[in-house]
Each structure stands twice: as C-alpha cells, then as structure tokens.
C-alpha cells in the first residue's frame, strides 16, 4: 500500500486561519506536481477549528523524502512554522476502500485509534468494517494507515460520506463494534479544506 504522511497543524493564533489556508493551498498545488505524489485530503476539525489534519499518499517513502529535502519544501515549512505547530506521523496505508466513483462527499471524519493488543486482529476487523461501510448508502471512501514510529500501536482512519447520517449509520454496524472493542478511538468530525482523495482510485479498487 501507499506511504502515508499524516500531519496535524495547530494554529498558534486562531485568527491566522485564512493566512494558513492560503499558504497551504499554494503548497499542495506544488506537492501535487511532484513525482510519486498520489493524493491528499486536508480537513479542519469541527470541534477544534484551530486544528487541521492532512493525509498525503505517496507511491514510496523515497519519493516523499526527496521532496522533503528540496529547497522549496524547506521554504514552505519555514513559513508554516510561523503560523502553526506541526505534528508529523509517517505511516503506511493498510486499507483503502472506495464507493461509487464521482460521488461527492462533504461529511468527513478522522479516527485516531490506539491498539494495545493484537494489531493484526484490529486491521482485520477494520478491513471487515470498511467492506460493510461501503454498502451503506452515502459512503464515499475510507482509508486506514498504521503509524510507523510516532505513535506505537497507533492507527489513523479517514472516512468520507455524502451525509453525516450515513456515517452514523455505519458506526451502528456490528462490524464497527468489533473495531471499537479492539482499540481506544478519538473521532474528529471535520470539514473539507482541499484534496483529491475521492478521485484516488476507481470504485472497487
């Protein structure tokens, strides 16, 4: 699966949201043109509007490392650090599930899971949940990634839906209960900022 970069940005001053978003949108336009870049999804927390999360998918870690070392990236990073605190969580994608191609989806959720027990069992349970969720009317996409070193036992999932009601329906599935039984979870309801994740793969890929 794809190398996944998960960055959490926290505004140092909530009044700087517009300035951050302008710089971020310019940055991702440049990132999208880099070799190995596949897709990204940037969201803003509904509960904490000073917090943004961006998930970026790359073909290989080496592709991202090359970009990371570039002068342009370093320049952008210096600008960001004036406005936000950044937490980086290099991860590896494990599950990718898509709904009907071309369906819009404005309801987004980011789940931060912490697994203290059998991680393979958790991944299997999440894979089963994603398959069940894909059958829910309103499902758009779901991704699960495992933290490589920043969060031992940590997993991050991003789901996108046409409506918040569809997302709630999915959390009432027995398959979701099986996931929740294996991990502690912190769910972040979010709004779309930028990204092309829903175009990342054809339906059923």
N, C-alpha and C. Protein backbone atom coordinates (compact mmCIF):
# COMPACT_ATOMS: atom_id res chain seq x y z
N UNK A 1 0.85 -1.19 0.00
CA UNK A 1 0.00 0.00 0.00
C UNK A 1 0.88 1.24 0.00
N UNK A 2 0.25 2.40 -0.02
CA UNK A 2 0.97 3.66 -0.18
C UNK A 2 1.60 4.15 1.12
N UNK A 3 2.73 4.80 0.98
CA UNK A 3 3.31 5.53 2.10
C UNK A 3 2.40 6.71 2.38
N UNK A 4 2.06 6.90 3.64
CA UNK A 4 1.08 7.91 4.03
C UNK A 4 1.70 8.89 5.02
N UNK A 5 1.59 10.17 4.73
CA UNK A 5 2.09 11.20 5.63
C UNK A 5 0.89 11.87 6.28
N UNK A 6 0.81 11.81 7.60
CA UNK A 6 -0.30 12.42 8.33
C UNK A 6 0.25 13.57 9.16
N UNK A 7 -0.15 14.77 8.81
CA UNK A 7 0.30 15.96 9.53
C UNK A 7 -0.88 16.63 10.23
N UNK A 8 -0.69 16.95 11.50
CA UNK A 8 -1.67 17.73 12.26
C UNK A 8 -1.10 19.12 12.47
N UNK A 9 -1.84 20.12 12.03
CA UNK A 9 -1.44 21.51 12.15
C UNK A 9 -2.32 22.20 13.18
N UNK A 10 -1.72 22.85 14.15
CA UNK A 10 -2.47 23.59 15.16
C UNK A 10 -2.08 25.06 15.08
N UNK A 11 -3.05 25.91 14.82
CA UNK A 11 -2.78 27.34 14.68
C UNK A 11 -2.23 27.91 15.99
N UNK A 12 -1.17 28.69 15.89
CA UNK A 12 -0.65 29.37 17.07
C UNK A 12 -1.59 30.50 17.48
N UNK A 13 -2.24 31.10 16.49
CA UNK A 13 -3.23 32.15 16.72
C UNK A 13 -4.44 31.81 15.86
N UNK A 14 -5.61 31.52 16.46
CA UNK A 14 -6.79 31.16 15.67
C UNK A 14 -7.15 32.18 14.60
N UNK A 15 -6.73 33.42 14.79
CA UNK A 15 -7.04 34.46 13.82
C UNK A 15 -6.27 34.29 12.51
N UNK A 16 -5.28 33.39 12.50
CA UNK A 16 -4.45 33.20 11.32
C UNK A 16 -4.96 32.10 10.38
N UNK A 17 -6.20 31.65 10.57
CA UNK A 17 -6.72 30.54 9.77
C UNK A 17 -6.69 30.85 8.28
N UNK A 18 -7.15 32.01 7.89
CA UNK A 18 -7.20 32.34 6.47
C UNK A 18 -5.80 32.40 5.87
N UNK A 19 -4.85 32.96 6.60
CA UNK A 19 -3.48 33.04 6.10
C UNK A 19 -2.88 31.66 5.96
N UNK A 20 -3.13 30.78 6.92
CA UNK A 20 -2.61 29.42 6.83
C UNK A 20 -3.20 28.69 5.63
N UNK A 21 -4.51 28.80 5.45
CA UNK A 21 -5.15 28.08 4.35
C UNK A 21 -4.63 28.56 3.00
N UNK A 22 -4.40 29.87 2.86
CA UNK A 22 -3.84 30.37 1.60
C UNK A 22 -2.47 29.76 1.33
N UNK A 23 -1.62 29.74 2.35
CA UNK A 23 -0.29 29.18 2.17
C UNK A 23 -0.36 27.67 1.93
N UNK A 24 -1.25 27.03 2.64
CA UNK A 24 -1.36 25.58 2.49
C UNK A 24 -1.83 25.21 1.09
N UNK A 25 -2.83 25.92 0.56
CA UNK A 25 -3.34 25.61 -0.77
C UNK A 25 -2.27 25.82 -1.82
N UNK A 26 -1.45 26.84 -1.65
CA UNK A 26 -0.34 27.05 -2.58
C UNK A 26 0.67 25.91 -2.47
N UNK A 27 0.92 25.47 -1.24
CA UNK A 27 1.86 24.38 -1.00
C UNK A 27 1.39 23.08 -1.66
N UNK A 28 0.12 22.74 -1.49
CA UNK A 28 -0.35 21.46 -2.02
C UNK A 28 -0.42 21.48 -3.54
N UNK A 29 -0.62 22.65 -4.14
CA UNK A 29 -0.56 22.72 -5.60
C UNK A 29 0.82 22.31 -6.08
N UNK A 30 1.84 22.76 -5.36
CA UNK A 30 3.21 22.37 -5.71
C UNK A 30 3.43 20.88 -5.43
N UNK A 31 2.94 20.39 -4.30
CA UNK A 31 3.13 18.99 -3.94
C UNK A 31 2.50 18.06 -4.97
N UNK A 32 1.35 18.43 -5.49
CA UNK A 32 0.65 17.57 -6.44
C UNK A 32 1.46 17.35 -7.72
N UNK A 33 2.39 18.24 -7.99
CA UNK A 33 3.18 18.12 -9.21
C UNK A 33 4.46 17.31 -9.02
N UNK A 34 4.69 16.83 -7.80
CA UNK A 34 5.94 16.12 -7.51
C UNK A 34 5.84 14.63 -7.86
N UNK A 35 6.93 14.04 -8.36
CA UNK A 35 6.92 12.61 -8.69
C UNK A 35 6.60 11.76 -7.46
N UNK A 36 5.74 10.79 -7.64
CA UNK A 36 5.38 9.88 -6.56
C UNK A 36 4.16 10.30 -5.78
N UNK A 37 3.73 11.57 -5.93
CA UNK A 37 2.54 12.02 -5.21
C UNK A 37 1.31 11.35 -5.81
N UNK A 38 0.42 10.86 -4.94
CA UNK A 38 -0.80 10.21 -5.42
C UNK A 38 -2.05 11.04 -5.13
N UNK A 39 -2.23 11.40 -3.87
CA UNK A 39 -3.44 12.13 -3.49
C UNK A 39 -3.27 12.68 -2.09
N UNK A 40 -4.19 13.55 -1.69
CA UNK A 40 -4.19 14.02 -0.30
C UNK A 40 -5.60 14.43 0.08
N UNK A 41 -5.81 14.55 1.37
CA UNK A 41 -7.08 15.04 1.91
C UNK A 41 -6.78 15.90 3.12
N UNK A 42 -7.10 17.17 3.02
CA UNK A 42 -6.91 18.10 4.14
C UNK A 42 -8.27 18.47 4.72
N UNK A 43 -8.37 18.42 6.05
CA UNK A 43 -9.62 18.72 6.73
C UNK A 43 -9.37 19.66 7.91
N UNK A 44 -10.44 20.32 8.33
CA UNK A 44 -10.38 21.19 9.50
C UNK A 44 -11.33 20.63 10.54
N UNK A 45 -10.84 20.48 11.77
CA UNK A 45 -11.64 19.91 12.84
C UNK A 45 -12.87 20.77 13.12
N UNK A 46 -14.03 20.11 13.21
CA UNK A 46 -15.26 20.84 13.54
C UNK A 46 -15.29 21.21 15.02
N UNK A 47 -14.72 20.37 15.87
CA UNK A 47 -14.73 20.62 17.31
C UNK A 47 -13.65 21.62 17.73
N UNK A 48 -12.52 21.59 17.00
CA UNK A 48 -11.41 22.49 17.29
C UNK A 48 -10.96 23.14 15.99
N UNK A 49 -11.58 24.26 15.62
CA UNK A 49 -11.27 24.87 14.33
C UNK A 49 -9.85 25.40 14.20
N UNK A 50 -9.08 25.36 15.29
CA UNK A 50 -7.67 25.74 15.20
C UNK A 50 -6.80 24.56 14.76
N UNK A 51 -7.41 23.39 14.52
CA UNK A 51 -6.66 22.19 14.18
C UNK A 51 -7.04 21.71 12.77
N UNK A 52 -6.02 21.44 11.99
CA UNK A 52 -6.18 20.88 10.64
C UNK A 52 -5.42 19.55 10.59
N UNK A 53 -5.92 18.63 9.77
CA UNK A 53 -5.22 17.36 9.55
C UNK A 53 -5.11 17.15 8.04
N UNK A 54 -3.93 16.80 7.59
CA UNK A 54 -3.74 16.48 6.18
C UNK A 54 -3.16 15.08 6.05
N UNK A 55 -3.78 14.26 5.22
CA UNK A 55 -3.27 12.95 4.89
C UNK A 55 -2.78 12.98 3.45
N UNK A 56 -1.52 12.62 3.24
CA UNK A 56 -0.96 12.60 1.90
C UNK A 56 -0.49 11.20 1.54
N UNK A 57 -0.82 10.75 0.33
CA UNK A 57 -0.46 9.40 -0.11
C UNK A 57 0.61 9.47 -1.19
N UNK A 58 1.68 8.69 -1.00
CA UNK A 58 2.81 8.67 -1.92
C UNK A 58 3.08 7.24 -2.34
N UNK A 59 3.66 7.09 -3.54
CA UNK A 59 3.97 5.75 -4.03
C UNK A 59 5.02 5.07 -3.16
N UNK A 60 6.05 5.81 -2.77
CA UNK A 60 7.16 5.22 -2.00
C UNK A 60 7.66 6.24 -0.98
N UNK A 61 8.19 5.78 0.16
CA UNK A 61 8.78 6.72 1.13
C UNK A 61 9.89 7.55 0.49
N UNK A 62 10.65 6.95 -0.44
CA UNK A 62 11.75 7.67 -1.07
C UNK A 62 11.27 8.88 -1.85
N UNK A 63 10.08 8.79 -2.43
CA UNK A 63 9.54 9.92 -3.18
C UNK A 63 9.29 11.11 -2.25
N UNK A 64 8.70 10.81 -1.10
CA UNK A 64 8.43 11.89 -0.14
C UNK A 64 9.72 12.42 0.45
N UNK A 65 10.67 11.56 0.76
CA UNK A 65 11.93 12.02 1.33
C UNK A 65 12.66 12.96 0.38
N UNK A 66 12.59 12.70 -0.91
CA UNK A 66 13.23 13.58 -1.89
C UNK A 66 12.58 14.96 -1.87
N UNK A 67 11.25 14.98 -1.80
CA UNK A 67 10.52 16.25 -1.72
C UNK A 67 10.86 16.97 -0.42
N UNK A 68 10.91 16.21 0.66
CA UNK A 68 11.19 16.78 1.98
C UNK A 68 12.54 17.51 2.00
N UNK A 69 13.50 17.00 1.25
CA UNK A 69 14.85 17.57 1.24
C UNK A 69 14.99 18.74 0.28
N UNK A 70 13.97 19.03 -0.50
CA UNK A 70 14.08 20.08 -1.51
C UNK A 70 14.04 21.47 -0.88
N UNK A 71 14.64 22.43 -1.57
CA UNK A 71 14.68 23.81 -1.07
C UNK A 71 13.28 24.40 -1.01
N UNK A 72 12.44 24.05 -1.96
CA UNK A 72 11.07 24.60 -1.97
C UNK A 72 10.29 24.13 -0.76
N UNK A 73 10.39 22.83 -0.45
CA UNK A 73 9.67 22.32 0.72
C UNK A 73 10.17 22.98 1.99
N UNK A 74 11.48 23.13 2.12
CA UNK A 74 12.05 23.75 3.32
C UNK A 74 11.58 25.19 3.46
N UNK A 75 11.47 25.88 2.35
CA UNK A 75 10.97 27.26 2.39
C UNK A 75 9.52 27.29 2.86
N UNK A 76 8.70 26.39 2.32
CA UNK A 76 7.30 26.34 2.74
C UNK A 76 7.19 25.97 4.21
N UNK A 77 8.02 25.03 4.66
CA UNK A 77 7.97 24.59 6.06
C UNK A 77 8.30 25.74 7.00
N UNK A 78 9.29 26.55 6.65
CA UNK A 78 9.64 27.70 7.49
C UNK A 78 8.47 28.66 7.60
N UNK A 79 7.75 28.86 6.51
CA UNK A 79 6.57 29.74 6.54
C UNK A 79 5.48 29.16 7.43
N UNK A 80 5.25 27.86 7.30
CA UNK A 80 4.22 27.23 8.12
C UNK A 80 4.52 27.34 9.61
N UNK A 81 5.77 27.15 9.98
CA UNK A 81 6.12 27.13 11.40
C UNK A 81 5.95 28.50 12.06
N UNK A 82 5.79 29.54 11.27
CA UNK A 82 5.48 30.85 11.83
C UNK A 82 4.03 30.93 12.27
N UNK A 83 3.19 30.07 11.69
CA UNK A 83 1.74 30.15 11.91
C UNK A 83 1.20 28.98 12.70
N UNK A 84 1.78 27.78 12.51
CA UNK A 84 1.23 26.58 13.13
C UNK A 84 2.31 25.74 13.80
N UNK A 85 1.88 24.94 14.77
CA UNK A 85 2.69 23.86 15.30
C UNK A 85 2.34 22.62 14.50
N UNK A 86 3.36 21.82 14.15
CA UNK A 86 3.15 20.68 13.27
C UNK A 86 3.53 19.39 13.98
N UNK A 87 2.63 18.40 13.92
CA UNK A 87 2.92 17.04 14.38
C UNK A 87 2.88 16.11 13.18
N UNK A 88 4.00 15.49 12.88
CA UNK A 88 4.08 14.59 11.73
C UNK A 88 4.01 13.14 12.19
N UNK A 89 3.27 12.34 11.44
CA UNK A 89 3.10 10.92 11.77
C UNK A 89 3.26 10.09 10.49
N UNK A 90 4.51 9.81 10.08
CA UNK A 90 4.73 8.96 8.91
C UNK A 90 4.08 7.59 9.14
N UNK A 91 3.32 7.14 8.15
CA UNK A 91 2.52 5.93 8.31
C UNK A 91 2.55 5.12 7.02
N UNK A 92 1.98 3.92 7.11
CA UNK A 92 1.84 3.08 5.92
C UNK A 92 0.38 2.70 5.75
N UNK A 93 -0.13 2.94 4.55
CA UNK A 93 -1.51 2.61 4.27
C UNK A 93 -1.76 1.11 4.31
N UNK A 94 -2.87 0.71 4.92
CA UNK A 94 -3.21 -0.70 5.06
C UNK A 94 -4.52 -1.07 4.37
N UNK A 95 -5.49 -0.17 4.44
CA UNK A 95 -6.82 -0.43 3.88
C UNK A 95 -7.24 0.78 3.06
N UNK A 96 -7.74 0.53 1.86
CA UNK A 96 -8.29 1.60 1.02
C UNK A 96 -9.56 1.07 0.39
N UNK A 97 -10.66 1.74 0.65
CA UNK A 97 -11.95 1.30 0.13
C UNK A 97 -12.66 2.49 -0.49
N UNK A 98 -13.20 2.29 -1.70
CA UNK A 98 -13.90 3.35 -2.41
C UNK A 98 -15.34 2.96 -2.68
N UNK A 99 -16.20 3.97 -2.66
CA UNK A 99 -17.59 3.77 -3.01
C UNK A 99 -17.80 4.01 -4.49
N UNK A 100 -18.92 4.59 -4.83
CA UNK A 100 -19.26 4.85 -6.23
C UNK A 100 -18.42 6.01 -6.75
N UNK A 101 -17.74 5.80 -7.85
CA UNK A 101 -16.86 6.83 -8.41
C UNK A 101 -17.66 8.09 -8.73
N UNK A 102 -17.08 9.23 -8.39
CA UNK A 102 -17.68 10.51 -8.73
C UNK A 102 -18.68 11.04 -7.74
N UNK A 103 -19.03 10.26 -6.72
CA UNK A 103 -19.99 10.74 -5.73
C UNK A 103 -19.35 11.80 -4.85
N UNK A 104 -20.01 12.94 -4.64
CA UNK A 104 -19.46 13.96 -3.74
C UNK A 104 -19.59 13.52 -2.29
N UNK A 105 -18.77 14.09 -1.43
CA UNK A 105 -18.86 13.76 -0.01
C UNK A 105 -18.33 14.86 0.85
N UNK A 106 -19.21 15.51 1.59
CA UNK A 106 -18.81 16.65 2.40
C UNK A 106 -18.72 16.34 3.88
N UNK A 107 -19.11 15.14 4.29
CA UNK A 107 -19.02 14.76 5.70
C UNK A 107 -17.76 13.91 5.87
N UNK A 108 -16.80 14.45 6.62
CA UNK A 108 -15.52 13.77 6.80
C UNK A 108 -15.24 13.53 8.27
N UNK A 109 -14.58 12.40 8.55
CA UNK A 109 -14.21 12.06 9.91
C UNK A 109 -12.80 11.48 9.90
N UNK A 110 -12.01 11.87 10.90
CA UNK A 110 -10.69 11.28 11.09
C UNK A 110 -10.72 10.58 12.44
N UNK A 111 -10.41 9.29 12.44
CA UNK A 111 -10.38 8.49 13.67
C UNK A 111 -8.94 8.17 14.03
N UNK A 112 -8.55 8.49 15.25
CA UNK A 112 -7.23 8.15 15.76
C UNK A 112 -7.40 6.98 16.72
N UNK A 113 -6.94 5.81 16.30
CA UNK A 113 -7.06 4.59 17.10
C UNK A 113 -5.75 4.30 17.82
N UNK A 114 -5.87 3.77 19.04
CA UNK A 114 -4.71 3.25 19.77
C UNK A 114 -5.01 1.82 20.17
N UNK A 115 -4.17 0.91 19.68
CA UNK A 115 -4.38 -0.52 19.91
C UNK A 115 -3.30 -1.02 20.87
N UNK A 116 -3.71 -1.58 21.98
CA UNK A 116 -2.74 -2.11 22.95
C UNK A 116 -2.58 -3.61 22.82
N UNK A 117 -3.48 -4.25 22.08
CA UNK A 117 -3.42 -5.70 21.94
C UNK A 117 -2.96 -6.14 20.57
N UNK A 118 -3.68 -7.05 19.96
CA UNK A 118 -3.33 -7.67 18.69
C UNK A 118 -3.62 -6.71 17.53
N UNK A 119 -2.58 -6.15 16.96
CA UNK A 119 -2.79 -5.18 15.88
C UNK A 119 -3.29 -5.85 14.60
N UNK A 120 -2.87 -7.09 14.36
CA UNK A 120 -3.35 -7.78 13.16
C UNK A 120 -4.85 -8.03 13.25
N UNK A 121 -5.32 -8.36 14.44
CA UNK A 121 -6.76 -8.57 14.62
C UNK A 121 -7.51 -7.26 14.39
N UNK A 122 -6.93 -6.15 14.85
CA UNK A 122 -7.56 -4.85 14.64
C UNK A 122 -7.65 -4.52 13.15
N UNK A 123 -6.55 -4.73 12.42
CA UNK A 123 -6.56 -4.43 10.99
C UNK A 123 -7.59 -5.30 10.27
N UNK A 124 -7.67 -6.56 10.64
CA UNK A 124 -8.68 -7.43 10.05
C UNK A 124 -10.09 -6.96 10.34
N UNK A 125 -10.31 -6.50 11.57
CA UNK A 125 -11.63 -6.01 11.95
C UNK A 125 -11.97 -4.73 11.19
N UNK A 126 -10.97 -3.86 11.02
CA UNK A 126 -11.24 -2.61 10.29
C UNK A 126 -11.50 -2.90 8.82
N UNK A 127 -10.78 -3.86 8.26
CA UNK A 127 -10.99 -4.21 6.86
C UNK A 127 -12.44 -4.71 6.66
N UNK A 128 -12.91 -5.51 7.60
CA UNK A 128 -14.28 -6.01 7.53
C UNK A 128 -15.28 -4.87 7.69
N UNK A 129 -14.96 -3.93 8.59
CA UNK A 129 -15.84 -2.77 8.76
C UNK A 129 -15.90 -1.93 7.49
N UNK A 130 -14.74 -1.67 6.87
CA UNK A 130 -14.72 -0.85 5.66
C UNK A 130 -15.57 -1.49 4.56
N UNK A 131 -15.51 -2.82 4.44
CA UNK A 131 -16.32 -3.51 3.45
C UNK A 131 -17.81 -3.36 3.76
N UNK A 132 -18.16 -3.46 5.02
CA UNK A 132 -19.56 -3.29 5.42
C UNK A 132 -20.01 -1.85 5.23
N UNK A 133 -19.14 -0.90 5.57
CA UNK A 133 -19.49 0.51 5.43
C UNK A 133 -19.70 0.89 3.97
N UNK A 134 -18.95 0.26 3.08
CA UNK A 134 -19.08 0.56 1.65
C UNK A 134 -20.46 0.24 1.11
N UNK A 135 -21.19 -0.63 1.82
CA UNK A 135 -22.54 -0.99 1.39
C UNK A 135 -23.59 -0.01 1.92
N UNK A 136 -23.17 0.91 2.78
CA UNK A 136 -24.09 1.91 3.32
C UNK A 136 -24.31 3.01 2.29
N UNK A 137 -25.56 3.35 2.04
CA UNK A 137 -25.86 4.43 1.11
C UNK A 137 -25.26 5.73 1.64
N UNK A 138 -24.42 6.36 0.85
CA UNK A 138 -23.78 7.60 1.29
C UNK A 138 -22.29 7.46 1.53
N UNK A 139 -21.77 6.23 1.46
CA UNK A 139 -20.34 6.01 1.65
C UNK A 139 -19.57 6.51 0.42
N UNK A 140 -18.42 7.18 0.66
CA UNK A 140 -17.58 7.67 -0.44
C UNK A 140 -16.21 6.99 -0.42
N UNK A 141 -15.51 7.03 0.73
CA UNK A 141 -14.16 6.45 0.77
C UNK A 141 -13.73 6.23 2.21
N UNK A 142 -12.81 5.28 2.40
CA UNK A 142 -12.22 5.03 3.71
C UNK A 142 -10.78 4.60 3.54
N UNK A 143 -9.94 5.06 4.45
CA UNK A 143 -8.52 4.70 4.46
C UNK A 143 -8.09 4.42 5.88
N UNK A 144 -7.22 3.43 6.03
CA UNK A 144 -6.61 3.15 7.33
C UNK A 144 -5.10 3.07 7.14
N UNK A 145 -4.36 3.74 8.01
CA UNK A 145 -2.90 3.70 7.98
C UNK A 145 -2.37 3.42 9.37
N UNK A 146 -1.22 2.77 9.42
CA UNK A 146 -0.58 2.50 10.71
C UNK A 146 0.64 3.38 10.88
N UNK A 147 0.78 3.93 12.08
CA UNK A 147 1.94 4.79 12.38
C UNK A 147 3.21 3.95 12.35
N UNK A 148 4.24 4.48 11.70
CA UNK A 148 5.50 3.73 11.60
C UNK A 148 6.35 3.83 12.85
N UNK A 149 6.31 4.98 13.53
CA UNK A 149 7.11 5.11 14.75
C UNK A 149 6.63 6.19 15.70
N UNK A 150 5.89 7.17 15.23
CA UNK A 150 5.50 8.29 16.09
C UNK A 150 4.49 7.88 17.16
N UNK A 151 3.60 6.93 16.83
CA UNK A 151 2.56 6.50 17.77
C UNK A 151 2.54 4.98 17.83
N UNK A 152 3.28 4.35 18.71
CA UNK A 152 3.24 2.89 18.82
C UNK A 152 1.81 2.40 19.05
N UNK A 153 1.39 1.45 18.23
CA UNK A 153 0.02 0.96 18.34
C UNK A 153 -1.00 1.93 17.77
N UNK A 154 -0.53 2.95 17.09
CA UNK A 154 -1.43 3.99 16.57
C UNK A 154 -1.85 3.74 15.13
N UNK A 155 -3.11 3.98 14.87
CA UNK A 155 -3.67 3.88 13.52
C UNK A 155 -4.52 5.13 13.28
N UNK A 156 -4.55 5.56 12.03
CA UNK A 156 -5.38 6.69 11.66
C UNK A 156 -6.29 6.28 10.51
N UNK A 157 -7.56 6.56 10.65
CA UNK A 157 -8.53 6.27 9.60
C UNK A 157 -9.21 7.56 9.17
N UNK A 158 -9.42 7.69 7.88
CA UNK A 158 -10.18 8.82 7.35
C UNK A 158 -11.33 8.27 6.54
N UNK A 159 -12.53 8.75 6.83
CA UNK A 159 -13.71 8.32 6.08
C UNK A 159 -14.43 9.53 5.54
N UNK A 160 -15.05 9.35 4.38
CA UNK A 160 -15.76 10.44 3.71
C UNK A 160 -17.14 9.93 3.31
N UNK A 161 -18.13 10.79 3.53
CA UNK A 161 -19.53 10.39 3.33
C UNK A 161 -20.30 11.52 2.66
N UNK A 162 -21.43 11.16 2.05
CA UNK A 162 -22.27 12.21 1.47
C UNK A 162 -23.01 12.96 2.57
N UNK A 163 -23.32 12.26 3.66
CA UNK A 163 -24.03 12.92 4.77
C UNK A 163 -23.50 12.39 6.10
N UNK A 164 -23.65 13.19 7.14
CA UNK A 164 -23.26 12.75 8.48
C UNK A 164 -24.15 11.61 8.95
N UNK A 165 -25.40 11.58 8.47
CA UNK A 165 -26.32 10.50 8.85
C UNK A 165 -25.81 9.15 8.34
N UNK A 166 -25.22 9.14 7.16
CA UNK A 166 -24.66 7.89 6.62
C UNK A 166 -23.51 7.40 7.49
N UNK A 167 -22.69 8.34 7.95
CA UNK A 167 -21.57 7.97 8.82
C UNK A 167 -22.08 7.40 10.14
N UNK A 168 -23.13 7.99 10.68
CA UNK A 168 -23.71 7.50 11.93
C UNK A 168 -24.27 6.09 11.74
N UNK A 169 -24.92 5.86 10.62
CA UNK A 169 -25.45 4.52 10.33
C UNK A 169 -24.34 3.49 10.34
N UNK A 170 -23.19 3.84 9.76
CA UNK A 170 -22.07 2.90 9.70
C UNK A 170 -21.53 2.57 11.08
N UNK A 171 -21.51 3.56 11.98
CA UNK A 171 -20.99 3.29 13.33
C UNK A 171 -21.91 2.39 14.14
N UNK A 172 -23.12 2.17 13.65
CA UNK A 172 -24.06 1.29 14.34
C UNK A 172 -23.99 -0.15 13.82
N UNK A 173 -23.12 -0.38 12.84
CA UNK A 173 -22.95 -1.73 12.31
C UNK A 173 -22.21 -2.62 13.30
N UNK A 174 -22.53 -3.91 13.36
CA UNK A 174 -21.76 -4.82 14.22
C UNK A 174 -20.27 -4.82 13.89
N UNK A 175 -19.93 -4.61 12.63
CA UNK A 175 -18.52 -4.60 12.24
C UNK A 175 -17.78 -3.43 12.88
N UNK A 176 -18.47 -2.31 13.09
CA UNK A 176 -17.81 -1.18 13.77
C UNK A 176 -17.63 -1.49 15.25
N UNK A 177 -18.60 -2.15 15.85
CA UNK A 177 -18.48 -2.53 17.27
C UNK A 177 -17.28 -3.44 17.46
N UNK A 178 -17.01 -4.30 16.48
CA UNK A 178 -15.85 -5.19 16.58
C UNK A 178 -14.55 -4.39 16.54
N UNK A 179 -14.51 -3.33 15.74
CA UNK A 179 -13.34 -2.45 15.68
C UNK A 179 -13.16 -1.72 17.01
N UNK A 180 -14.25 -1.14 17.51
CA UNK A 180 -14.19 -0.35 18.74
C UNK A 180 -13.79 -1.20 19.94
N UNK A 181 -14.08 -2.50 19.89
CA UNK A 181 -13.73 -3.38 21.01
C UNK A 181 -12.24 -3.64 21.09
N UNK A 182 -11.52 -3.35 20.01
CA UNK A 182 -10.09 -3.66 19.96
C UNK A 182 -9.19 -2.45 20.12
N UNK A 183 -9.78 -1.26 20.25
CA UNK A 183 -8.94 -0.05 20.30
C UNK A 183 -9.65 1.08 21.02
N UNK A 184 -8.85 1.97 21.57
CA UNK A 184 -9.38 3.26 22.01
C UNK A 184 -9.44 4.16 20.79
N UNK A 185 -10.47 4.98 20.68
CA UNK A 185 -10.62 5.80 19.48
C UNK A 185 -10.99 7.23 19.85
N UNK A 186 -10.38 8.15 19.14
CA UNK A 186 -10.74 9.57 19.22
C UNK A 186 -11.18 9.99 17.83
N UNK A 187 -12.46 10.37 17.73
CA UNK A 187 -13.03 10.72 16.43
C UNK A 187 -13.08 12.23 16.26
N UNK A 188 -12.59 12.70 15.12
CA UNK A 188 -12.58 14.13 14.80
C UNK A 188 -13.51 14.37 13.62
N UNK A 189 -14.71 14.93 13.87
CA UNK A 189 -15.55 15.35 12.74
C UNK A 189 -14.89 16.56 12.09
N UNK A 190 -14.92 16.62 10.77
CA UNK A 190 -14.14 17.64 10.10
C UNK A 190 -14.84 18.16 8.86
N UNK A 191 -14.36 19.29 8.37
CA UNK A 191 -14.86 19.86 7.11
C UNK A 191 -13.74 19.83 6.08
N UNK A 192 -14.13 19.72 4.83
CA UNK A 192 -13.17 19.64 3.73
C UNK A 192 -12.46 20.98 3.54
N UNK A 193 -11.14 20.92 3.38
CA UNK A 193 -10.35 22.11 3.06
C UNK A 193 -9.82 22.00 1.63
N UNK A 194 -9.18 20.89 1.34
CA UNK A 194 -8.64 20.65 0.00
C UNK A 194 -8.32 19.17 -0.12
N UNK A 195 -8.24 18.68 -1.36
CA UNK A 195 -7.83 17.30 -1.53
C UNK A 195 -8.49 16.64 -2.72
N UNK A 196 -7.87 15.57 -3.17
CA UNK A 196 -8.38 14.81 -4.30
C UNK A 196 -8.47 13.33 -3.97
N UNK A 197 -8.61 12.98 -2.68
CA UNK A 197 -8.65 11.58 -2.27
C UNK A 197 -9.81 10.82 -2.91
N UNK A 198 -10.98 11.43 -3.05
CA UNK A 198 -12.12 10.72 -3.59
C UNK A 198 -11.88 10.30 -5.04
N UNK A 199 -10.87 10.91 -5.69
CA UNK A 199 -10.54 10.56 -7.07
C UNK A 199 -9.37 9.58 -7.11
N UNK A 200 -8.91 9.14 -5.94
CA UNK A 200 -7.66 8.38 -5.82
C UNK A 200 -7.70 7.04 -6.53
N UNK A 201 -8.83 6.36 -6.51
CA UNK A 201 -8.93 5.04 -7.10
C UNK A 201 -10.33 4.82 -7.65
N UNK A 202 -10.47 4.01 -8.69
CA UNK A 202 -11.81 3.70 -9.20
C UNK A 202 -12.61 2.87 -8.21
N UNK A 203 -13.89 2.87 -8.35
CA UNK A 203 -14.75 2.10 -7.44
C UNK A 203 -14.36 0.65 -7.48
N UNK A 204 -14.29 0.06 -6.29
CA UNK A 204 -13.96 -1.35 -6.18
C UNK A 204 -12.49 -1.66 -6.19
N UNK A 205 -11.63 -0.64 -6.27
CA UNK A 205 -10.18 -0.89 -6.31
C UNK A 205 -9.67 -1.33 -4.97
